[in-house]
Amino acid sequence: MQSSGPLSLSRRDALRLIFTASALAASLDITAFGVEGGLGADPDLLKKEIPWPRTFSAAEKKAAAALADLLIPADEHGPAASAVGVVDFLDEWISAPYDTQERDAKVIRAGLAWLDAESTKRFAKPFADAAVAEQTALVDDVLKEGTEARKKAYSFWRLFRDRAAGGYYSTPEGWRALGYTGNAPLSEFPGATPEALKHVGLA
């Protein structure tokens, strides 16, 4: 059967083109495109593998853990931030080779260095080794208006707070702290009330 129109093909011609294209594809050496043994398998999304190295130093991890725990301490709602992997989350985040993460890395790493330097100047010890009251006093000062250094410290604090909280509240412990139970099955499902059925004319 021949269809009409300037771009139409007969069924025979269409099938011929399909078979020709299939034969051509089968004859291609796909290893020439850098793919060994085929087009590759689907990614395994259950593997928690990070393809880039972590860049936090030991001192940065220690300061980040102290600051994260000051932000989200252990209480009746859940464990402290460092206990649920927030520092690992931050380390993975600032180590990622993407524009946003690279910008964040500069701010966060400079901020952690500033915290340690300021704590050493005030209390003769790094931030993580200071007492909680001393850590709190230092952070409280950051939240006040002040010098250009304080403004940079405040920008760091806001970014760190947002990233740490994002990491915490994406964990099961963080969900529970928010009261989020997820898509949990109900023990029973009674259905619509008689009043509701009457309202929609199904009583």
Protein backbone atom coordinates (compact mmCIF):
# COMPACT_ATOMS: atom_id res chain seq x y z
CA MET A 1 0.00 0.00 0.00
CA GLN A 2 1.47 3.34 -1.08
CA SER A 3 0.61 6.38 1.06
CA SER A 4 0.55 9.89 -0.38
CA GLY A 5 2.58 12.96 0.53
CA PRO A 6 6.04 14.30 -0.30
CA LEU A 7 7.69 12.64 2.74
CA SER A 8 5.73 9.38 2.75
CA LEU A 9 7.26 5.93 2.32
CA SER A 10 5.76 2.65 1.32
CA ARG A 11 5.62 0.04 4.04
CA ARG A 12 8.21 -2.00 2.13
CA ASP A 13 10.62 0.95 1.92
CA ALA A 14 10.15 1.75 5.61
CA LEU A 15 10.91 -1.84 6.63
CA ARG A 16 13.95 -1.89 4.34
CA LEU A 17 15.33 1.25 6.02
CA ILE A 18 14.71 -0.20 9.49
CA PHE A 19 16.49 -3.46 8.66
CA THR A 20 19.37 -1.58 7.05
CA ALA A 21 19.81 0.63 10.11
CA SER A 22 19.67 -2.39 12.42
CA ALA A 23 22.28 -4.24 10.39
CA LEU A 24 24.52 -1.18 10.38
CA ALA A 25 24.23 -0.77 14.15
CA ALA A 26 25.02 -4.45 14.69
CA SER A 27 28.14 -4.16 12.55
CA LEU A 28 29.60 -1.20 14.48
CA ASP A 29 32.53 -1.87 16.78
CA ILE A 30 31.25 -0.04 19.84
CA THR A 31 34.56 -0.52 21.64
CA ALA A 32 35.78 2.23 19.34
CA PHE A 33 33.58 4.55 21.37
CA GLY A 34 35.28 3.59 24.63
CA VAL A 35 32.57 1.16 25.76
CA GLU A 36 33.79 -2.31 26.58
CA GLY A 37 31.47 -5.22 25.98
CA GLY A 38 28.37 -3.24 25.09
CA LEU A 39 26.63 -0.08 26.07
CA GLY A 40 27.17 -0.66 29.78
CA ALA A 41 24.97 -1.69 32.66
CA ASP A 42 22.53 0.39 34.64
CA PRO A 43 24.17 2.18 37.59
CA ASP A 44 23.86 0.46 40.96
CA LEU A 45 22.15 3.17 42.98
CA LEU A 46 22.37 1.13 46.18
CA LYS A 47 26.15 1.46 46.32
CA LYS A 48 27.19 4.45 48.40
CA GLU A 49 30.40 5.06 46.50
CA ILE A 50 31.75 8.60 46.18
CA PRO A 51 33.97 8.97 43.12
CA TRP A 52 36.04 11.85 44.50
CA PRO A 53 38.50 11.98 47.42
CA ARG A 54 37.48 13.71 50.64
CA THR A 55 39.43 16.88 51.39
CA PHE A 56 38.65 17.81 55.01
CA SER A 57 41.78 17.73 57.14
CA ALA A 58 41.69 16.13 60.59
CA ALA A 59 41.58 19.59 62.19
CA GLU A 60 38.73 20.69 59.91
CA LYS A 61 36.74 17.55 60.73
CA LYS A 62 37.22 18.16 64.44
CA ALA A 63 36.12 21.80 64.20
CA ALA A 64 33.18 20.91 61.94
CA ALA A 65 32.00 18.22 64.37
CA ALA A 66 32.14 20.65 67.30
CA LEU A 67 30.26 23.36 65.45
CA ALA A 68 27.66 20.93 64.07
CA ASP A 69 27.03 19.57 67.57
CA LEU A 70 26.70 23.11 68.91
CA LEU A 71 24.10 23.72 66.20
CA ILE A 72 22.25 20.40 66.69
CA PRO A 73 23.13 18.89 70.08
CA ALA A 74 21.81 15.61 71.39
CA ASP A 75 18.45 16.07 73.12
CA GLU A 76 15.10 14.35 73.57
CA HIS A 77 14.43 14.71 69.84
CA GLY A 78 17.49 12.82 68.62
CA PRO A 79 21.28 12.36 68.63
CA ALA A 80 23.83 15.08 67.98
CA ALA A 81 24.71 16.02 64.42
CA SER A 82 28.13 14.36 64.44
CA ALA A 83 26.60 11.07 65.60
CA VAL A 84 24.57 10.65 62.40
CA GLY A 85 27.32 11.40 59.87
CA VAL A 86 26.83 15.12 59.29
CA VAL A 87 30.60 15.71 59.22
CA ASP A 88 30.99 13.02 56.54
CA PHE A 89 28.15 14.66 54.61
CA LEU A 90 29.89 18.05 54.80
CA ASP A 91 33.22 16.51 53.80
CA GLU A 92 31.63 14.83 50.79
CA TRP A 93 29.83 18.06 49.89
CA ILE A 94 32.82 20.40 49.97
CA SER A 95 35.00 17.84 48.18
CA ALA A 96 32.71 17.48 45.16
CA PRO A 97 34.11 18.86 41.89
CA TYR A 98 31.15 21.09 41.05
CA ASP A 99 30.87 24.88 40.97
CA THR A 100 28.47 25.25 43.92
CA GLN A 101 30.41 22.87 46.13
CA GLU A 102 33.73 24.44 45.23
CA ARG A 103 32.37 27.86 46.22
CA ASP A 104 31.01 26.44 49.46
CA ALA A 105 34.33 24.73 50.17
CA LYS A 106 36.20 28.04 50.13
CA VAL A 107 33.77 29.62 52.58
CA ILE A 108 33.50 26.64 54.92
CA ARG A 109 37.21 25.84 55.09
CA ALA A 110 38.12 29.49 55.63
CA GLY A 111 35.42 29.75 58.30
CA LEU A 112 36.63 26.69 60.20
CA ALA A 113 40.19 28.07 60.12
CA TRP A 114 38.89 31.40 61.44
CA LEU A 115 37.01 29.64 64.26
CA ASP A 116 40.15 27.82 65.38
CA ALA A 117 42.27 30.95 65.17
CA GLU A 118 39.73 33.07 67.06
CA SER A 119 39.24 30.38 69.72
CA THR A 120 43.00 30.04 70.17
CA LYS A 121 43.33 33.80 70.53
CA ARG A 122 40.56 33.99 73.13
CA PHE A 123 40.79 30.70 74.99
CA ALA A 124 44.29 29.40 74.11
CA LYS A 125 42.81 26.28 72.50
CA PRO A 126 41.23 25.27 69.17
CA PHE A 127 37.46 25.61 68.82
CA ALA A 128 36.76 21.89 69.30
CA ASP A 129 38.73 21.84 72.57
CA ALA A 130 36.98 24.87 74.03
CA ALA A 131 34.20 24.46 76.57
CA VAL A 132 30.65 24.58 75.21
CA ALA A 133 30.09 27.91 76.96
CA GLU A 134 33.20 29.32 75.25
CA GLN A 135 32.13 27.96 71.85
CA THR A 136 28.68 29.46 72.34
CA ALA A 137 30.11 32.86 73.28
CA LEU A 138 32.28 32.88 70.18
CA VAL A 139 29.39 31.98 67.87
CA ASP A 140 27.11 34.50 69.59
CA ASP A 141 29.64 37.21 68.74
CA VAL A 142 29.64 36.09 65.11
CA LEU A 143 25.90 36.76 64.97
CA LYS A 144 26.38 40.39 65.96
CA GLU A 145 27.04 43.24 63.60
CA GLY A 146 30.69 44.23 63.49
CA THR A 147 33.85 44.35 61.47
CA GLU A 148 34.36 43.01 57.96
CA ALA A 149 35.92 39.88 59.49
CA ARG A 150 32.73 39.36 61.50
CA LYS A 151 30.63 39.73 58.34
CA LYS A 152 32.66 37.02 56.63
CA ALA A 153 32.34 34.84 59.72
CA TYR A 154 28.57 35.36 59.70
CA SER A 155 28.37 34.38 56.02
CA PHE A 156 30.29 31.22 56.90
CA TRP A 157 27.98 30.49 59.83
CA ARG A 158 24.85 30.81 57.70
CA LEU A 159 26.24 28.52 55.01
CA PHE A 160 27.51 25.96 57.52
CA ARG A 161 24.19 26.02 59.37
CA ASP A 162 22.20 25.42 56.20
CA ARG A 163 24.43 22.60 54.93
CA ALA A 164 24.69 20.88 58.32
CA ALA A 165 20.96 21.07 58.94
CA GLY A 166 20.29 19.79 55.44
CA GLY A 167 22.52 16.81 56.11
CA TYR A 168 20.99 16.10 59.52
CA TYR A 169 17.36 16.31 58.50
CA SER A 170 17.86 14.01 55.52
CA THR A 171 18.75 11.12 57.86
CA PRO A 172 16.23 8.76 59.52
CA GLU A 173 17.17 10.31 62.87
CA GLY A 174 16.46 13.76 61.50
CA TRP A 175 13.11 12.61 60.10
CA ARG A 176 12.11 11.33 63.51
CA ALA A 177 13.19 14.60 65.13
CA LEU A 178 10.78 16.39 62.79
CA GLY A 179 8.02 13.88 63.50
CA TYR A 180 8.06 12.62 59.92
CA THR A 181 7.14 8.94 59.70
CA GLY A 182 7.22 8.52 55.94
CA ASN A 183 4.95 6.28 53.94
CA ALA A 184 4.15 3.97 56.85
CA PRO A 185 1.24 1.51 56.56
CA LEU A 186 -1.75 2.08 58.79
CA SER A 187 -2.91 -0.66 61.14
CA GLU A 188 -6.40 -0.19 59.71
CA PHE A 189 -8.11 1.93 57.09
CA PRO A 190 -11.70 2.60 58.10
CA GLY A 191 -12.63 4.44 54.93
CA ALA A 192 -14.81 7.51 54.55
CA THR A 193 -17.19 8.54 57.30
CA PRO A 194 -20.96 8.41 56.72
CA GLU A 195 -20.98 12.21 56.71
CA ALA A 196 -18.35 12.33 53.97
CA LEU A 197 -20.21 9.75 51.86
CA LYS A 198 -23.44 11.72 52.28
CA HIS A 199 -21.66 14.91 51.25
CA VAL A 200 -20.61 13.39 47.91
CA GLY A 201 -23.98 11.69 47.36
CA LEU A 202 -22.84 8.12 48.04
CA ALA A 203 -24.64 7.51 51.32
